[in-house]
C-alpha atoms as a PDB file:
ATOM      1  CA  MET A   1       9.525 -22.483  26.886  1.00  0.00           C
ATOM      2  CA  LYS A   2       8.980 -18.983  28.292  1.00  0.00           C
ATOM      3  CA  ILE A   3      12.049 -19.365  30.488  1.00  0.00           C
ATOM      4  CA  GLN A   4      14.187 -20.303  27.475  1.00  0.00           C
ATOM      5  CA  ALA A   5      12.894 -17.299  25.531  1.00  0.00           C
ATOM      6  CA  LEU A   6      13.602 -15.004  28.478  1.00  0.00           C
ATOM      7  CA  LEU A   7      17.077 -16.516  28.877  1.00  0.00           C
ATOM      8  CA  LEU A   8      17.782 -16.033  25.169  1.00  0.00           C
ATOM      9  CA  LEU A   9      16.551 -12.438  25.267  1.00  0.00           C
ATOM     10  CA  THR A  10      18.747 -11.733  28.305  1.00  0.00           C
ATOM     11  CA  VAL A  11      21.772 -13.229  26.588  1.00  0.00           C
ATOM     12  CA  LEU A  12      21.078 -11.217  23.425  1.00  0.00           C
ATOM     13  CA  VAL A  13      20.896  -7.978  25.393  1.00  0.00           C
ATOM     14  CA  LEU A  14      23.990  -8.727  27.471  1.00  0.00           C
ATOM     15  CA  CYS A  15      26.147 -10.334  24.829  1.00  0.00           C
ATOM     16  CA  LYS A  16      29.058  -8.354  23.563  1.00  0.00           C
ATOM     17  CA  GLY A  17      29.223  -8.320  19.798  1.00  0.00           C
ATOM     18  CA  ARG A  18      31.511  -6.890  17.194  1.00  0.00           C
ATOM     19  CA  LYS A  19      30.964  -5.424  13.761  1.00  0.00           C
ATOM     20  CA  PHE A  20      33.954  -5.997  11.479  1.00  0.00           C
ATOM     21  CA  THR A  21      35.188  -4.056   8.507  1.00  0.00           C
ATOM     22  CA  ARG A  22      35.791  -6.211   5.452  1.00  0.00           C
ATOM     23  CA  CYS A  23      39.569  -6.216   5.983  1.00  0.00           C
ATOM     24  CA  GLN A  24      39.312  -6.902   9.722  1.00  0.00           C
ATOM     25  CA  LEU A  25      37.037  -9.839   9.013  1.00  0.00           C
ATOM     26  CA  ALA A  26      39.402 -11.342   6.428  1.00  0.00           C
ATOM     27  CA  VAL A  27      42.351 -11.085   8.826  1.00  0.00           C
ATOM     28  CA  GLU A  28      40.379 -12.532  11.765  1.00  0.00           C
ATOM     29  CA  LEU A  29      39.126 -15.450   9.668  1.00  0.00           C
ATOM     30  CA  LEU A  30      42.678 -16.337   8.677  1.00  0.00           C
ATOM     31  CA  LYS A  31      43.814 -16.065  12.305  1.00  0.00           C
ATOM     32  CA  THR A  32      41.365 -18.822  13.266  1.00  0.00           C
ATOM     33  CA  LYS A  33      43.367 -21.220  11.041  1.00  0.00           C
ATOM     34  CA  ILE A  34      40.101 -23.067  10.394  1.00  0.00           C
ATOM     35  CA  ILE A  35      39.264 -22.006   6.858  1.00  0.00           C
ATOM     36  CA  GLU A  36      41.473 -22.206   3.796  1.00  0.00           C
ATOM     37  CA  LYS A  37      42.738 -18.985   2.242  1.00  0.00           C
ATOM     38  CA  THR A  38      41.437 -20.258  -1.113  1.00  0.00           C
ATOM     39  CA  PHE A  39      37.854 -19.772   0.091  1.00  0.00           C
ATOM     40  CA  LEU A  40      38.434 -16.553   2.044  1.00  0.00           C
ATOM     41  CA  GLY A  41      36.566 -14.359  -0.455  1.00  0.00           C
ATOM     42  CA  ASN A  42      33.579 -16.707  -0.396  1.00  0.00           C
ATOM     43  CA  TRP A  43      33.440 -16.670   3.403  1.00  0.00           C
ATOM     44  CA  VAL A  44      33.727 -12.882   3.615  1.00  0.00           C
ATOM     45  CA  CYS A  45      31.008 -12.476   0.973  1.00  0.00           C
ATOM     46  CA  LEU A  46      28.721 -14.940   2.749  1.00  0.00           C
ATOM     47  CA  ILE A  47      29.181 -13.230   6.118  1.00  0.00           C
ATOM     48  CA  GLU A  48      28.653  -9.809   4.581  1.00  0.00           C
ATOM     49  CA  LYS A  49      25.415 -10.861   2.895  1.00  0.00           C
ATOM     50  CA  VAL A  50      23.846 -12.827   5.775  1.00  0.00           C
ATOM     51  CA  SER A  51      24.899 -10.828   8.853  1.00  0.00           C
ATOM     52  CA  ASN A  52      26.471  -7.597   7.605  1.00  0.00           C
ATOM     53  CA  ARG A  53      29.703  -8.689   9.384  1.00  0.00           C
ATOM     54  CA  ASP A  54      28.031  -8.370  12.806  1.00  0.00           C
ATOM     55  CA  THR A  55      28.795 -11.075  15.397  1.00  0.00           C
ATOM     56  CA  LYS A  56      25.553 -10.473  17.298  1.00  0.00           C
ATOM     57  CA  ALA A  57      23.280 -10.805  14.254  1.00  0.00           C
ATOM     58  CA  PHE A  58      20.135 -12.742  15.121  1.00  0.00           C
ATOM     59  CA  SER A  59      17.130 -13.423  12.918  1.00  0.00           C
ATOM     60  CA  VAL A  60      13.817 -15.231  13.133  1.00  0.00           C
ATOM     61  CA  SER A  61      12.157 -16.400   9.917  1.00  0.00           C
ATOM     62  CA  PRO A  62       8.377 -16.063   9.380  1.00  0.00           C
ATOM     63  CA  SER A  63       8.104 -19.781  10.203  1.00  0.00           C
ATOM     64  CA  GLY A  64       9.846 -19.175  13.551  1.00  0.00           C
ATOM     65  CA  LYS A  65      13.280 -20.614  12.712  1.00  0.00           C
ATOM     66  CA  LYS A  66      16.126 -18.787  14.430  1.00  0.00           C
ATOM     67  CA  SER A  67      19.588 -18.110  12.964  1.00  0.00           C
ATOM     68  CA  TYR A  68      22.598 -16.894  14.916  1.00  0.00           C
ATOM     69  CA  GLY A  69      25.809 -14.935  14.500  1.00  0.00           C
ATOM     70  CA  LEU A  70      28.131 -14.042  11.653  1.00  0.00           C
ATOM     71  CA  TYR A  71      27.165 -17.044   9.540  1.00  0.00           C
ATOM     72  CA  GLN A  72      23.462 -17.014  10.534  1.00  0.00           C
ATOM     73  CA  ILE A  73      23.714 -20.627  11.644  1.00  0.00           C
ATOM     74  CA  PRO A  74      20.234 -22.172  12.043  1.00  0.00           C
ATOM     75  CA  GLN A  75      19.044 -23.645  15.317  1.00  0.00           C
ATOM     76  CA  LYS A  76      19.378 -27.229  14.060  1.00  0.00           C
ATOM     77  CA  TRP A  77      23.173 -26.837  14.421  1.00  0.00           C
ATOM     78  CA  CYS A  78      23.064 -25.480  17.997  1.00  0.00           C
ATOM     79  CA  ARG A  79      20.888 -25.644  21.113  1.00  0.00           C
ATOM     80  CA  GLU A  80      19.577 -22.784  23.225  1.00  0.00           C
ATOM     81  CA  GLY A  81      20.971 -22.688  26.744  1.00  0.00           C
ATOM     82  CA  LYS A  82      23.440 -25.577  26.438  1.00  0.00           C
ATOM     83  CA  PRO A  83      25.710 -27.273  23.889  1.00  0.00           C
ATOM     84  CA  GLY A  84      23.873 -29.372  21.337  1.00  0.00           C
ATOM     85  CA  GLY A  85      22.725 -29.630  17.748  1.00  0.00           C
ATOM     86  CA  GLY A  86      24.865 -30.666  14.799  1.00  0.00           C
ATOM     87  CA  CYS A  87      27.838 -28.549  15.911  1.00  0.00           C
ATOM     88  CA  HIS A  88      27.404 -29.404  19.616  1.00  0.00           C
ATOM     89  CA  ILE A  89      27.402 -25.745  20.574  1.00  0.00           C
ATOM     90  CA  ALA A  90      25.137 -23.402  22.534  1.00  0.00           C
ATOM     91  CA  CYS A  91      23.333 -21.001  20.196  1.00  0.00           C
ATOM     92  CA  GLU A  92      24.211 -18.082  22.469  1.00  0.00           C
ATOM     93  CA  SER A  93      27.929 -18.695  21.934  1.00  0.00           C
ATOM     94  CA  LEU A  94      27.405 -17.876  18.253  1.00  0.00           C
ATOM     95  CA  LEU A  95      26.505 -14.313  19.266  1.00  0.00           C
ATOM     96  CA  ASP A  96      29.697 -13.249  21.044  1.00  0.00           C
ATOM     97  CA  ASP A  97      32.811 -11.650  19.558  1.00  0.00           C
ATOM     98  CA  ASP A  98      34.836 -14.898  19.602  1.00  0.00           C
ATOM     99  CA  ILE A  99      34.472 -16.088  16.012  1.00  0.00           C
ATOM    100  CA  ARG A 100      36.430 -19.340  16.380  1.00  0.00           C
ATOM    101  CA  ASP A 101      33.470 -21.463  17.495  1.00  0.00           C
ATOM    102  CA  ASP A 102      31.209 -19.873  14.866  1.00  0.00           C
ATOM    103  CA  THR A 103      33.807 -20.504  12.159  1.00  0.00           C
ATOM    104  CA  ARG A 104      34.377 -24.075  13.320  1.00  0.00           C
ATOM    105  CA  CYS A 105      30.633 -24.773  13.072  1.00  0.00           C
ATOM    106  CA  ALA A 106      30.276 -23.004   9.701  1.00  0.00           C
ATOM    107  CA  ASN A 107      33.250 -24.939   8.335  1.00  0.00           C
ATOM    108  CA  TYR A 108      31.664 -28.193   9.548  1.00  0.00           C
ATOM    109  CA  ILE A 109      28.460 -27.291   7.693  1.00  0.00           C
ATOM    110  CA  PHE A 110      30.557 -26.381   4.638  1.00  0.00           C
ATOM    111  CA  GLN A 111      32.343 -29.763   4.752  1.00  0.00           C
ATOM    112  CA  LEU A 112      28.971 -31.531   4.738  1.00  0.00           C
ATOM    113  CA  GLU A 113      26.935 -29.302   2.419  1.00  0.00           C
ATOM    114  CA  GLY A 114      29.236 -26.797   0.700  1.00  0.00           C
ATOM    115  CA  PHE A 115      28.442 -23.104   0.314  1.00  0.00           C
ATOM    116  CA  LYS A 116      25.152 -24.010  -1.339  1.00  0.00           C
ATOM    117  CA  TYR A 117      23.794 -24.645   2.176  1.00  0.00           C
ATOM    118  CA  TRP A 118      23.527 -20.863   2.557  1.00  0.00           C
ATOM    119  CA  ASN A 119      20.946 -19.618   0.054  1.00  0.00           C
ATOM    120  CA  GLN A 120      22.366 -16.081   0.228  1.00  0.00           C
ATOM    121  CA  TRP A 121      25.771 -17.363  -0.936  1.00  0.00           C
ATOM    122  CA  THR A 122      24.147 -19.036  -3.953  1.00  0.00           C
ATOM    123  CA  VAL A 123      22.119 -15.934  -4.830  1.00  0.00           C
ATOM    124  CA  ARG A 124      24.616 -13.170  -4.016  1.00  0.00           C
ATOM    125  CA  CYS A 125      28.171 -14.594  -3.913  1.00  0.00           C
ATOM    126  CA  LYS A 126      28.448 -17.650  -6.166  1.00  0.00           C
ATOM    127  CA  ASN A 127      29.472 -15.871  -9.370  1.00  0.00           C
ATOM    128  CA  ASP A 128      30.757 -12.646  -7.838  1.00  0.00           C
ATOM    129  CA  ASP A 129      34.487 -12.290  -7.173  1.00  0.00           C
ATOM    130  CA  MET A 130      34.378  -8.545  -6.411  1.00  0.00           C
ATOM    131  CA  ILE A 131      34.779  -9.076  -2.649  1.00  0.00           C
ATOM    132  CA  THR A 132      37.659 -11.499  -3.211  1.00  0.00           C
ATOM    133  CA  LYS A 133      39.455  -8.855  -5.279  1.00  0.00           C
ATOM    134  CA  GLU A 134      38.754  -6.227  -2.616  1.00  0.00           C
ATOM    135  CA  ILE A 135      40.037  -8.224   0.356  1.00  0.00           C
ATOM    136  CA  TYR A 136      43.344  -8.969  -1.335  1.00  0.00           C
ATOM    137  CA  LYS A 137      43.939  -5.208  -1.379  1.00  0.00           C
ATOM    138  CA  CYS A 138      43.766  -5.134   2.435  1.00  0.00           C
ATOM    139  CA  PRO A 139      47.142  -4.032   3.832  1.00  0.00           C
ATOM    140  CA  ASP A 140      47.041  -6.391   6.838  1.00  0.00           C
ATOM    141  CA  LEU A 141      46.318  -9.390   4.629  1.00  0.00           C
ATOM    142  CA  ASN A 142      49.395  -8.933   2.453  1.00  0.00           C
ATOM    143  CA  SER A 143      52.307  -8.984   4.865  1.00  0.00           C
ATOM    144  CA  PRO A 144      55.797  -8.100   3.610  1.00  0.00           C
ATOM    145  CA  ARG A 145      58.394 -10.755   2.887  1.00  0.00           C
ATOM    146  CA  SER A 146      59.771 -12.282   6.044  1.00  0.00           C
ATOM    147  CA  SER A 147      63.308 -12.550   4.666  1.00  0.00           C
ATOM    148  CA  PRO A 148      65.287  -9.733   3.083  1.00  0.00           C
ATOM    149  CA  GLU A 149      65.699  -9.556  -0.663  1.00  0.00           C
ATOM    150  CA  ARG A 150      68.794 -11.343  -1.907  1.00  0.00           C
ATOM    151  CA  SER A 151      71.434  -9.438  -3.729  1.00  0.00           C
ATOM    152  CA  PRO A 152      72.047 -10.782  -7.232  1.00  0.00           C
ATOM    153  CA  ARG A 153      75.795 -10.096  -6.966  1.00  0.00           C
ATOM    154  CA  LEU A 154      78.201 -11.487  -4.426  1.00  0.00           C
ATOM    155  CA  SER A 155      79.989  -9.016  -2.218  1.00  0.00           C
ATOM    156  CA  GLU A 156      83.764  -8.622  -2.479  1.00  0.00           C
ATOM    157  CA  SER A 157      84.359 -10.287   0.895  1.00  0.00           C
ATOM    158  CA  SER A 158      82.245 -13.314  -0.009  1.00  0.00           C
ATOM    159  CA  MET A 159      84.123 -13.652  -3.324  1.00  0.00           C
ATOM    160  CA  LYS A 160      87.472 -13.655  -1.475  1.00  0.00           C
ATOM    161  CA  PHE A 161      86.157 -16.302   0.917  1.00  0.00           C
ATOM    162  CA  ARG A 162      84.969 -18.504  -1.933  1.00  0.00           C
ATOM    163  CA  PHE A 163      88.271 -18.347  -3.802  1.00  0.00           C
ATOM    164  CA  ARG A 164      90.396 -18.802  -0.691  1.00  0.00           C
ATOM    165  CA  HIS A 165      88.542 -21.999   0.244  1.00  0.00           C
ATOM    166  CA  ARG A 166      88.055 -23.374  -3.219  1.00  0.00           C
ATOM    167  CA  ARG A 167      89.843 -26.615  -3.868  1.00  0.00           C
ATOM    168  CA  SER A 168      90.766 -28.163  -7.119  1.00  0.00           C
ATOM    169  CA  LEU A 169      89.149 -31.355  -8.310  1.00  0.00           C
ATOM    170  CA  ARG A 170      92.468 -33.197  -7.778  1.00  0.00           C
ATOM    171  CA  GLN A 171      92.570 -32.045  -4.122  1.00  0.00           C
ATOM    172  CA  LEU A 172      89.022 -33.208  -3.576  1.00  0.00           C
ATOM    173  CA  LEU A 173      89.742 -36.591  -5.171  1.00  0.00           C
ATOM    174  CA  SER A 174      92.839 -37.131  -3.078  1.00  0.00           C
ATOM    175  CA  MET A 175      90.933 -36.638   0.155  1.00  0.00           C
ATOM    176  CA  ARG A 176      90.859 -39.608   2.494  1.00  0.00           C
ATOM    177  CA  TYR A 177      87.158 -40.374   2.043  1.00  0.00           C
ATOM    178  CA  ARG A 178      85.968 -40.777  -1.498  1.00  0.00           C
ATOM    179  CA  PRO A 179      82.667 -42.044  -2.752  1.00  0.00           C
ATOM    180  CA  ILE A 180      82.820 -45.726  -3.669  1.00  0.00           C
ATOM    181  CA  TRP A 181      81.722 -45.143  -7.239  1.00  0.00           C
ATOM    182  CA  LEU A 182      84.564 -42.616  -7.698  1.00  0.00           C
ATOM    183  CA  SER A 183      87.262 -44.925  -6.298  1.00  0.00           C
ATOM    184  CA  SER A 184      86.639 -47.570  -8.940  1.00  0.00           C
ATOM    185  CA  HIS A 185      87.058 -45.042 -11.775  1.00  0.00           C
ATOM    186  CA  LEU A 186      90.382 -43.692 -10.503  1.00  0.00           C
ATOM    187  CA  LYS A 187      92.294 -46.990 -10.449  1.00  0.00           C
END
């Protein structure tokens, strides 16, 4: 037991963490392609309230229960020192700056329990859409259109092309291949 505690303390001291801004967090969560954009505001709010957007957040409750990382995932979902728990993950891996494994585990918990699993979400995020409104103002979240705007008018050269290649209905009907339904009406 003492060895595990020492190992955990060593990992906590050595682990590299990251503290996100609200906009950085929203962008990084979407990059994981694990969570749906519909719930992005809820996830950002939850993370902000439970870990202050810090990947190395670690807490111990008065009863001795430990919670890890951005989502403050309890020890029942991970195992110290090796993969295990409900998410089959090492608790220490929830404390690094790679948020994919944390997000995968949190999403698994969400699929089973919903946001209500996290008491802080129920108390501080459930009926509050302020963070959702804020993150959609983030410049990196709202990328510009990928295709150029279309011009409502045709250019002169495209008009010439259209009229030069336009055929009359009679020319189209006299073509070698006609639809079967059209052939019966022409006879």
